[in-house]
C-alpha atoms as a PDB file:
ATOM      1  CA  GLU A   1       0.000   0.000   0.000  1.00  0.00           C
ATOM      2  CA  PHE A   2       1.285   3.489  -0.849  1.00  0.00           C
ATOM      3  CA  GLY A   3       0.103   6.801  -2.232  1.00  0.00           C
ATOM      4  CA  PRO A   4       0.834  10.543  -2.272  1.00  0.00           C
ATOM      5  CA  GLY A   5      -1.098  12.690   0.183  1.00  0.00           C
ATOM      6  CA  ASP A   6      -4.026  10.758   1.604  1.00  0.00           C
ATOM      7  CA  ALA A   7      -4.296   8.451  -1.433  1.00  0.00           C
ATOM      8  CA  VAL A   8      -4.022   4.733  -0.733  1.00  0.00           C
ATOM      9  CA  LEU A   9      -3.225   2.251  -3.519  1.00  0.00           C
ATOM     10  CA  THR A  10      -3.678  -1.389  -2.588  1.00  0.00           C
ATOM     11  CA  VAL A  11      -2.339  -4.139  -4.857  1.00  0.00           C
ATOM     12  CA  THR A  12      -2.978  -7.778  -3.948  1.00  0.00           C
ATOM     13  CA  ALA A  13      -1.587  -9.493  -7.018  1.00  0.00           C
ATOM     14  CA  GLN A  14       0.760 -12.240  -8.083  1.00  0.00           C
ATOM     15  CA  MET A  15       3.095 -12.793 -10.994  1.00  0.00           C
ATOM     16  CA  VAL A  16       2.364 -15.918 -13.008  1.00  0.00           C
ATOM     17  CA  GLY A  17       3.473 -17.636 -16.197  1.00  0.00           C
ATOM     18  CA  ALA A  18       6.041 -16.869 -18.828  1.00  0.00           C
ATOM     19  CA  PRO A  19       5.913 -14.242 -20.159  1.00  0.00           C
ATOM     20  CA  VAL A  20       5.157 -12.750 -16.782  1.00  0.00           C
ATOM     21  CA  ARG A  21       1.591 -11.595 -16.118  1.00  0.00           C
ATOM     22  CA  LEU A  22       0.451  -9.693 -13.035  1.00  0.00           C
ATOM     23  CA  THR A  23      -3.003 -10.721 -11.800  1.00  0.00           C
ATOM     24  CA  GLY A  24      -5.131  -9.865  -8.808  1.00  0.00           C
ATOM     25  CA  PRO A  25      -7.336  -7.169  -7.255  1.00  0.00           C
ATOM     26  CA  VAL A  26      -6.261  -3.527  -7.076  1.00  0.00           C
ATOM     27  CA  ALA A  27      -7.927  -0.597  -5.302  1.00  0.00           C
ATOM     28  CA  LEU A  28      -7.332   3.142  -5.059  1.00  0.00           C
ATOM     29  CA  ASN A  29      -8.939   5.500  -2.551  1.00  0.00           C
ATOM     30  CA  ALA A  30      -8.367   9.202  -1.948  1.00  0.00           C
ATOM     31  CA  ALA A  31     -10.611  11.700  -0.194  1.00  0.00           C
ATOM     32  CA  ASP A  32      -8.814  14.469  -2.126  1.00  0.00           C
ATOM     33  CA  SER A  33      -7.562  13.417  -5.579  1.00  0.00           C
ATOM     34  CA  GLU A  34      -5.610  16.631  -6.284  1.00  0.00           C
ATOM     35  CA  PRO A  35      -2.296  15.546  -4.631  1.00  0.00           C
ATOM     36  CA  LEU A  36      -2.453  12.275  -6.593  1.00  0.00           C
ATOM     37  CA  GLY A  37      -3.022  14.146  -9.858  1.00  0.00           C
ATOM     38  CA  ARG A  38      -0.141  16.512  -9.063  1.00  0.00           C
ATOM     39  CA  TYR A  39       2.145  13.539  -8.313  1.00  0.00           C
ATOM     40  CA  LEU A  40       1.253  11.771 -11.577  1.00  0.00           C
ATOM     41  CA  ARG A  41       1.891  14.961 -13.580  1.00  0.00           C
ATOM     42  CA  ARG A  42       5.349  15.232 -12.007  1.00  0.00           C
ATOM     43  CA  LEU A  43       5.968  11.727 -13.340  1.00  0.00           C
ATOM     44  CA  GLY A  44       5.070  12.996 -16.829  1.00  0.00           C
ATOM     45  CA  LEU A  45       1.582  11.467 -16.980  1.00  0.00           C
ATOM     46  CA  GLU A  46      -0.337  14.347 -18.534  1.00  0.00           C
ATOM     47  CA  GLY A  47      -3.726  14.090 -20.212  1.00  0.00           C
ATOM     48  CA  PRO A  48      -7.476  14.123 -19.678  1.00  0.00           C
ATOM     49  CA  LEU A  49      -7.471  11.250 -17.182  1.00  0.00           C
ATOM     50  CA  THR A  50      -5.080  12.982 -14.791  1.00  0.00           C
ATOM     51  CA  ALA A  51      -7.042  16.214 -15.326  1.00  0.00           C
ATOM     52  CA  LEU A  52     -10.001  14.512 -13.636  1.00  0.00           C
ATOM     53  CA  LEU A  53      -7.946  14.261 -10.438  1.00  0.00           C
ATOM     54  CA  ASP A  54      -8.771  17.817  -9.408  1.00  0.00           C
ATOM     55  CA  GLY A  55      -9.801  17.353  -5.790  1.00  0.00           C
ATOM     56  CA  ARG A  56     -12.853  15.154  -6.201  1.00  0.00           C
ATOM     57  CA  ARG A  57     -13.018  12.045  -4.025  1.00  0.00           C
ATOM     58  CA  ILE A  58     -11.928   8.923  -5.926  1.00  0.00           C
ATOM     59  CA  GLU A  59     -12.730   5.315  -5.087  1.00  0.00           C
ATOM     60  CA  ALA A  60     -11.662   2.676  -7.602  1.00  0.00           C
ATOM     61  CA  ALA A  61     -11.323  -1.110  -7.634  1.00  0.00           C
ATOM     62  CA  ALA A  62     -10.871  -3.781 -10.311  1.00  0.00           C
ATOM     63  CA  ASP A  63      -9.512  -7.249 -10.983  1.00  0.00           C
ATOM     64  CA  LEU A  64      -6.270  -6.591 -12.864  1.00  0.00           C
ATOM     65  CA  SER A  65      -4.497  -8.729 -15.439  1.00  0.00           C
ATOM     66  CA  ALA A  66      -1.440  -7.046 -16.965  1.00  0.00           C
ATOM     67  CA  ALA A  67       1.402  -8.146 -19.211  1.00  0.00           C
ATOM     68  CA  ALA A  68       3.888  -6.339 -21.440  1.00  0.00           C
ATOM     69  CA  SER A  69       1.450  -6.108 -24.358  1.00  0.00           C
ATOM     70  CA  SER A  70      -1.987  -6.184 -22.724  1.00  0.00           C
ATOM     71  CA  LEU A  71      -4.009  -4.803 -19.850  1.00  0.00           C
ATOM     72  CA  SER A  72      -7.381  -6.082 -18.631  1.00  0.00           C
ATOM     73  CA  LEU A  73      -9.679  -4.620 -15.960  1.00  0.00           C
ATOM     74  CA  ARG A  74     -12.650  -6.715 -14.930  1.00  0.00           C
ATOM     75  CA  ASN A  75     -15.347  -5.820 -12.425  1.00  0.00           C
ATOM     76  CA  LEU A  76     -14.232  -2.196 -12.607  1.00  0.00           C
ATOM     77  CA  ARG A  77     -15.903   0.041 -10.011  1.00  0.00           C
ATOM     78  CA  LEU A  78     -14.999   3.723 -10.125  1.00  0.00           C
ATOM     79  CA  GLY A  79     -16.455   6.589  -8.124  1.00  0.00           C
ATOM     80  CA  LEU A  80     -15.190  10.103  -8.893  1.00  0.00           C
ATOM     81  CA  GLY A  81     -17.169  12.709  -7.011  1.00  0.00           C
ATOM     82  CA  PRO A  82     -20.848  12.054  -7.850  1.00  0.00           C
ATOM     83  CA  ALA A  83     -19.981  10.037 -10.986  1.00  0.00           C
ATOM     84  CA  ARG A  84     -20.109   6.227 -10.911  1.00  0.00           C
ATOM     85  CA  ILE A  85     -18.653   3.893 -13.556  1.00  0.00           C
ATOM     86  CA  THR A  86     -18.707   0.087 -13.701  1.00  0.00           C
ATOM     87  CA  GLY A  87     -17.758  -2.440 -16.365  1.00  0.00           C
ATOM     88  CA  ASN A  88     -14.902  -4.246 -18.063  1.00  0.00           C
ATOM     89  CA  ALA A  89     -12.107  -3.025 -20.326  1.00  0.00           C
ATOM     90  CA  ARG A  90      -9.239  -4.648 -22.209  1.00  0.00           C
ATOM     91  CA  TYR A  91      -6.356  -3.126 -24.171  1.00  0.00           C
ATOM     92  CA  THR A  92      -4.016  -5.068 -26.455  1.00  0.00           C
ATOM     93  CA  ALA A  93      -1.037  -3.257 -27.942  1.00  0.00           C
ATOM     94  CA  ALA A  94      -0.260  -3.395 -31.646  1.00  0.00           C
ATOM     95  CA  GLU A  95       2.406  -5.890 -32.678  1.00  0.00           C
ATOM     96  CA  ALA A  96       4.113  -6.762 -35.948  1.00  0.00           C
ATOM     97  CA  GLY A  97       1.433  -7.840 -38.408  1.00  0.00           C
ATOM     98  CA  ALA A  98      -1.447  -7.193 -35.986  1.00  0.00           C
ATOM     99  CA  ARG A  99      -3.389  -4.085 -35.018  1.00  0.00           C
ATOM    100  CA  GLY A 100      -3.952  -3.136 -31.422  1.00  0.00           C
ATOM    101  CA  ARG A 101      -7.435  -3.404 -29.932  1.00  0.00           C
ATOM    102  CA  PHE A 102      -9.505  -1.756 -27.204  1.00  0.00           C
ATOM    103  CA  ASP A 103     -12.696  -3.388 -25.892  1.00  0.00           C
ATOM    104  CA  ALA A 104     -14.913  -1.893 -23.210  1.00  0.00           C
ATOM    105  CA  GLN A 105     -18.383  -2.464 -21.781  1.00  0.00           C
ATOM    106  CA  ILE A 106     -19.193   0.494 -19.551  1.00  0.00           C
ATOM    107  CA  ARG A 107     -22.136   1.615 -17.429  1.00  0.00           C
ATOM    108  CA  ALA A 108     -22.086   5.099 -15.933  1.00  0.00           C
ATOM    109  CA  SER A 109     -24.255   7.477 -13.918  1.00  0.00           C
ATOM    110  CA  GLY A 110     -24.001  10.977 -12.499  1.00  0.00           C
ATOM    111  CA  ILE A 111     -21.868  12.347 -15.372  1.00  0.00           C
ATOM    112  CA  ASP A 112     -21.682  16.119 -15.949  1.00  0.00           C
ATOM    113  CA  ILE A 113     -20.692  16.654 -19.600  1.00  0.00           C
ATOM    114  CA  ALA A 114     -19.579  20.235 -18.902  1.00  0.00           C
ATOM    115  CA  ALA A 115     -17.099  19.004 -16.252  1.00  0.00           C
ATOM    116  CA  LEU A 116     -15.357  16.457 -18.484  1.00  0.00           C
ATOM    117  CA  PRO A 117     -11.869  17.288 -19.836  1.00  0.00           C
ATOM    118  CA  PRO A 118     -11.338  17.037 -23.622  1.00  0.00           C
ATOM    119  CA  LEU A 119     -10.931  13.357 -24.500  1.00  0.00           C
ATOM    120  CA  GLY A 120     -10.147  13.812 -28.201  1.00  0.00           C
ATOM    121  CA  THR A 121      -6.400  13.274 -27.798  1.00  0.00           C
ATOM    122  CA  THR A 122      -7.001  10.026 -25.917  1.00  0.00           C
ATOM    123  CA  LEU A 123      -9.385   8.732 -28.591  1.00  0.00           C
ATOM    124  CA  GLY A 124      -7.005   9.956 -31.271  1.00  0.00           C
ATOM    125  CA  SER A 125      -4.278   7.705 -29.874  1.00  0.00           C
ATOM    126  CA  LEU A 126      -6.573   4.716 -30.635  1.00  0.00           C
ATOM    127  CA  ARG A 127      -6.891   5.479 -34.358  1.00  0.00           C
ATOM    128  CA  ASP A 128      -4.418   2.718 -35.191  1.00  0.00           C
ATOM    129  CA  HIS A 129      -6.392   0.275 -33.057  1.00  0.00           C
ATOM    130  CA  ASP A 130      -9.609  -1.634 -33.526  1.00  0.00           C
ATOM    131  CA  LEU A 131     -12.372  -0.635 -31.147  1.00  0.00           C
ATOM    132  CA  ALA A 132     -15.451  -2.244 -29.625  1.00  0.00           C
ATOM    133  CA  LEU A 133     -17.305   0.012 -27.204  1.00  0.00           C
ATOM    134  CA  THR A 134     -20.646  -0.451 -25.472  1.00  0.00           C
ATOM    135  CA  LEU A 135     -21.797   2.392 -23.243  1.00  0.00           C
ATOM    136  CA  GLU A 136     -24.902   2.922 -21.127  1.00  0.00           C
ATOM    137  CA  ALA A 137     -25.045   6.188 -19.172  1.00  0.00           C
ATOM    138  CA  ARG A 138     -27.929   7.567 -17.129  1.00  0.00           C
ATOM    139  CA  ASP A 139     -28.433  10.610 -14.896  1.00  0.00           C
ATOM    140  CA  VAL A 140     -26.346  12.629 -17.366  1.00  0.00           C
ATOM    141  CA  ARG A 141     -26.489  16.410 -17.167  1.00  0.00           C
ATOM    142  CA  TYR A 142     -24.867  19.471 -18.693  1.00  0.00           C
ATOM    143  CA  GLY A 143     -23.582  21.953 -16.112  1.00  0.00           C
ATOM    144  CA  PRO A 144     -24.113  22.003 -12.339  1.00  0.00           C
ATOM    145  CA  ALA A 145     -27.586  23.523 -12.711  1.00  0.00           C
ATOM    146  CA  GLY A 146     -28.723  20.996 -15.310  1.00  0.00           C
ATOM    147  CA  SER A 147     -31.173  18.225 -14.581  1.00  0.00           C
ATOM    148  CA  GLY A 148     -29.750  14.703 -14.352  1.00  0.00           C
ATOM    149  CA  ASN A 149     -32.313  13.016 -16.573  1.00  0.00           C
ATOM    150  CA  GLY A 150     -30.146  12.531 -19.658  1.00  0.00           C
ATOM    151  CA  THR A 151     -29.209   9.142 -21.081  1.00  0.00           C
ATOM    152  CA  ILE A 152     -26.546   8.068 -23.554  1.00  0.00           C
ATOM    153  CA  ALA A 153     -26.471   4.600 -25.146  1.00  0.00           C
ATOM    154  CA  ALA A 154     -23.832   3.650 -27.690  1.00  0.00           C
ATOM    155  CA  SER A 155     -22.564   0.548 -29.449  1.00  0.00           C
ATOM    156  CA  ILE A 156     -19.650   1.356 -31.768  1.00  0.00           C
ATOM    157  CA  GLN A 157     -17.119  -0.911 -33.467  1.00  0.00           C
ATOM    158  CA  SER A 158     -14.216  -0.340 -35.821  1.00  0.00           C
ATOM    159  CA  ASP A 159     -12.119  -2.921 -37.637  1.00  0.00           C
ATOM    160  CA  GLY A 160      -9.318  -1.472 -39.708  1.00  0.00           C
ATOM    161  CA  SER A 161     -10.947   1.060 -42.038  1.00  0.00           C
ATOM    162  CA  SER A 162     -14.491  -0.117 -41.349  1.00  0.00           C
ATOM    163  CA  LEU A 163     -16.811   1.595 -38.869  1.00  0.00           C
ATOM    164  CA  VAL A 164     -20.061   0.236 -37.446  1.00  0.00           C
ATOM    165  CA  VAL A 165     -22.341   2.426 -35.339  1.00  0.00           C
ATOM    166  CA  ASP A 166     -24.956  -0.059 -34.182  1.00  0.00           C
ATOM    167  CA  SER A 167     -26.538   2.765 -32.203  1.00  0.00           C
ATOM    168  CA  LEU A 168     -25.684   6.129 -30.738  1.00  0.00           C
ATOM    169  CA  ASP A 169     -28.658   7.541 -28.841  1.00  0.00           C
ATOM    170  CA  VAL A 170     -28.678  10.633 -26.659  1.00  0.00           C
ATOM    171  CA  ALA A 171     -31.952  11.539 -24.924  1.00  0.00           C
ATOM    172  CA  ASP A 172     -33.016  14.427 -22.693  1.00  0.00           C
ATOM    173  CA  LEU A 173     -29.539  15.924 -22.257  1.00  0.00           C
ATOM    174  CA  ALA A 174     -30.842  19.358 -21.198  1.00  0.00           C
ATOM    175  CA  GLY A 175     -33.621  18.778 -23.734  1.00  0.00           C
ATOM    176  CA  ALA A 176     -31.211  17.666 -26.481  1.00  0.00           C
ATOM    177  CA  SER A 177     -31.428  14.375 -28.372  1.00  0.00           C
ATOM    178  CA  ALA A 178     -29.384  12.597 -31.023  1.00  0.00           C
ATOM    179  CA  LYS A 179     -29.726   9.363 -32.959  1.00  0.00           C
ATOM    180  CA  LEU A 180     -27.075   7.956 -35.276  1.00  0.00           C
ATOM    181  CA  SER A 181     -26.597   4.507 -36.803  1.00  0.00           C
ATOM    182  CA  GLY A 182     -25.117   2.830 -39.855  1.00  0.00           C
ATOM    183  CA  ARG A 183     -21.894   1.377 -41.153  1.00  0.00           C
ATOM    184  CA  ILE A 184     -19.035   2.286 -43.448  1.00  0.00           C
ATOM    185  CA  GLY A 185     -17.099  -0.620 -44.925  1.00  0.00           C
ATOM    186  CA  ALA A 186     -13.354  -0.907 -45.454  1.00  0.00           C
ATOM    187  CA  ASP A 187     -13.913  -0.104 -49.148  1.00  0.00           C
ATOM    188  CA  GLY A 188     -15.619   3.191 -48.231  1.00  0.00           C
ATOM    189  CA  THR A 189     -19.156   2.096 -49.070  1.00  0.00           C
ATOM    190  CA  GLY A 190     -21.942   2.659 -46.600  1.00  0.00           C
ATOM    191  CA  ARG A 191     -23.222   5.531 -44.518  1.00  0.00           C
ATOM    192  CA  VAL A 192     -23.784   6.621 -40.924  1.00  0.00           C
ATOM    193  CA  SER A 193     -26.796   8.905 -40.582  1.00  0.00           C
ATOM    194  CA  GLY A 194     -29.235  10.303 -38.063  1.00  0.00           C
ATOM    195  CA  ARG A 195     -30.581  13.472 -36.499  1.00  0.00           C
ATOM    196  CA  LEU A 196     -29.513  16.001 -33.851  1.00  0.00           C
ATOM    197  CA  LYS A 197     -32.134  18.148 -32.101  1.00  0.00           C
ATOM    198  CA  ALA A 198     -31.902  20.562 -29.185  1.00  0.00           C
ATOM    199  CA  PRO A 199     -33.675  23.683 -27.919  1.00  0.00           C
ATOM    200  CA  VAL A 200     -30.170  25.045 -27.192  1.00  0.00           C
ATOM    201  CA  ALA A 201     -27.173  23.640 -29.085  1.00  0.00           C
ATOM    202  CA  ALA A 202     -24.642  23.935 -26.216  1.00  0.00           C
ATOM    203  CA  PRO A 203     -25.189  20.488 -24.567  1.00  0.00           C
ATOM    204  CA  LEU A 204     -24.726  18.520 -27.806  1.00  0.00           C
ATOM    205  CA  LEU A 205     -21.828  20.736 -28.935  1.00  0.00           C
ATOM    206  CA  GLY A 206     -20.259  20.280 -25.506  1.00  0.00           C
ATOM    207  CA  LEU A 207     -20.522  16.502 -25.835  1.00  0.00           C
ATOM    208  CA  LEU A 208     -18.879  16.572 -29.293  1.00  0.00           C
ATOM    209  CA  GLU A 209     -16.217  19.006 -28.073  1.00  0.00           C
ATOM    210  CA  ARG A 210     -15.126  16.770 -25.241  1.00  0.00           C
ATOM    211  CA  VAL A 211     -15.167  13.375 -26.943  1.00  0.00           C
ATOM    212  CA  TRP A 212     -14.305  14.234 -30.547  1.00  0.00           C
ATOM    213  CA  LEU A 213     -13.752  17.756 -31.952  1.00  0.00           C
ATOM    214  CA  GLY A 214     -12.044  20.208 -29.639  1.00  0.00           C
ATOM    215  CA  GLU A 215     -12.273  22.963 -32.259  1.00  0.00           C
ATOM    216  CA  ILE A 216     -16.013  23.294 -31.508  1.00  0.00           C
ATOM    217  CA  ARG A 217     -15.043  25.411 -28.486  1.00  0.00           C
ATOM    218  CA  LEU A 218     -14.136  28.187 -30.935  1.00  0.00           C
ATOM    219  CA  LEU A 219     -17.741  28.569 -32.117  1.00  0.00           C
ATOM    220  CA  PRO A 220     -19.307  31.923 -31.172  1.00  0.00           C
ATOM    221  CA  ALA A 221     -21.744  32.063 -28.253  1.00  0.00           C
ATOM    222  CA  PHE A 222     -24.779  32.854 -30.404  1.00  0.00           C
ATOM    223  CA  LEU A 223     -24.416  29.478 -32.164  1.00  0.00           C
ATOM    224  CA  ARG A 224     -24.186  27.659 -28.836  1.00  0.00           C
ATOM    225  CA  ASP A 225     -27.334  29.387 -27.590  1.00  0.00           C
ATOM    226  CA  ALA A 226     -29.316  28.748 -30.770  1.00  0.00           C
ATOM    227  CA  PRO A 227     -31.747  25.841 -31.305  1.00  0.00           C
ATOM    228  CA  LEU A 228     -30.452  22.911 -33.317  1.00  0.00           C
ATOM    229  CA  ASP A 229     -32.217  20.577 -35.735  1.00  0.00           C
ATOM    230  CA  LEU A 230     -29.876  18.810 -38.144  1.00  0.00           C
ATOM    231  CA  ALA A 231     -30.056  15.739 -40.327  1.00  0.00           C
ATOM    232  CA  VAL A 232     -26.556  14.256 -40.340  1.00  0.00           C
ATOM    233  CA  THR A 233     -24.911  11.990 -42.904  1.00  0.00           C
ATOM    234  CA  LEU A 234     -21.350  10.698 -42.636  1.00  0.00           C
ATOM    235  CA  ASP A 235     -19.643   9.217 -45.684  1.00  0.00           C
ATOM    236  CA  ARG A 236     -16.068   8.123 -46.281  1.00  0.00           C
ATOM    237  CA  GLU A 237     -14.439   8.963 -49.605  1.00  0.00           C
END
């Protein structure tokens, strides 16, 4: 057990096999996450994940399986302030002749979109990897004064140059909604399409800004405050 400040990291794991793999339960608890975030940044670990360690209480636990080229977290339970996340995740690094891969099945609640750091750089680092993501989020809001009635459900897969959006549904995020689905094959054929609607564009633009396109933050305020009703079609040339 060790940790900067009041943080406590507990690792009850064993090394097995050849090549060596570390397996076993891990847990992290800190009433104030800011000293932990500051410590990780001194080690050179910058990015949106360390940005979340801004003083909010953190409680995390998972069954870990780690080797040189892979990392698996099962029975993940993460509490960060009012946000709660559970699920499983696995990362496999790219090797000669094989693409890397990231798989995750996540359930979340109590998320404030406006309080999330930009995640685009993290997702951008996965562009050379295949992806399979299933997400169910409830009690989602935009801003501290927003209602927590929003839901987000997504099932997205990529395999090389192909992209499959089985579903991407956003409902009641400060009155905003979005529905996208479709597929684009490796040869460029296909289409992902749907509709975005909102009485005020800011919640949906904020969601896109944080998970995909950081440049949206440069849009003028009058566009963020305007209603939104768009039919969307994504093609690959």
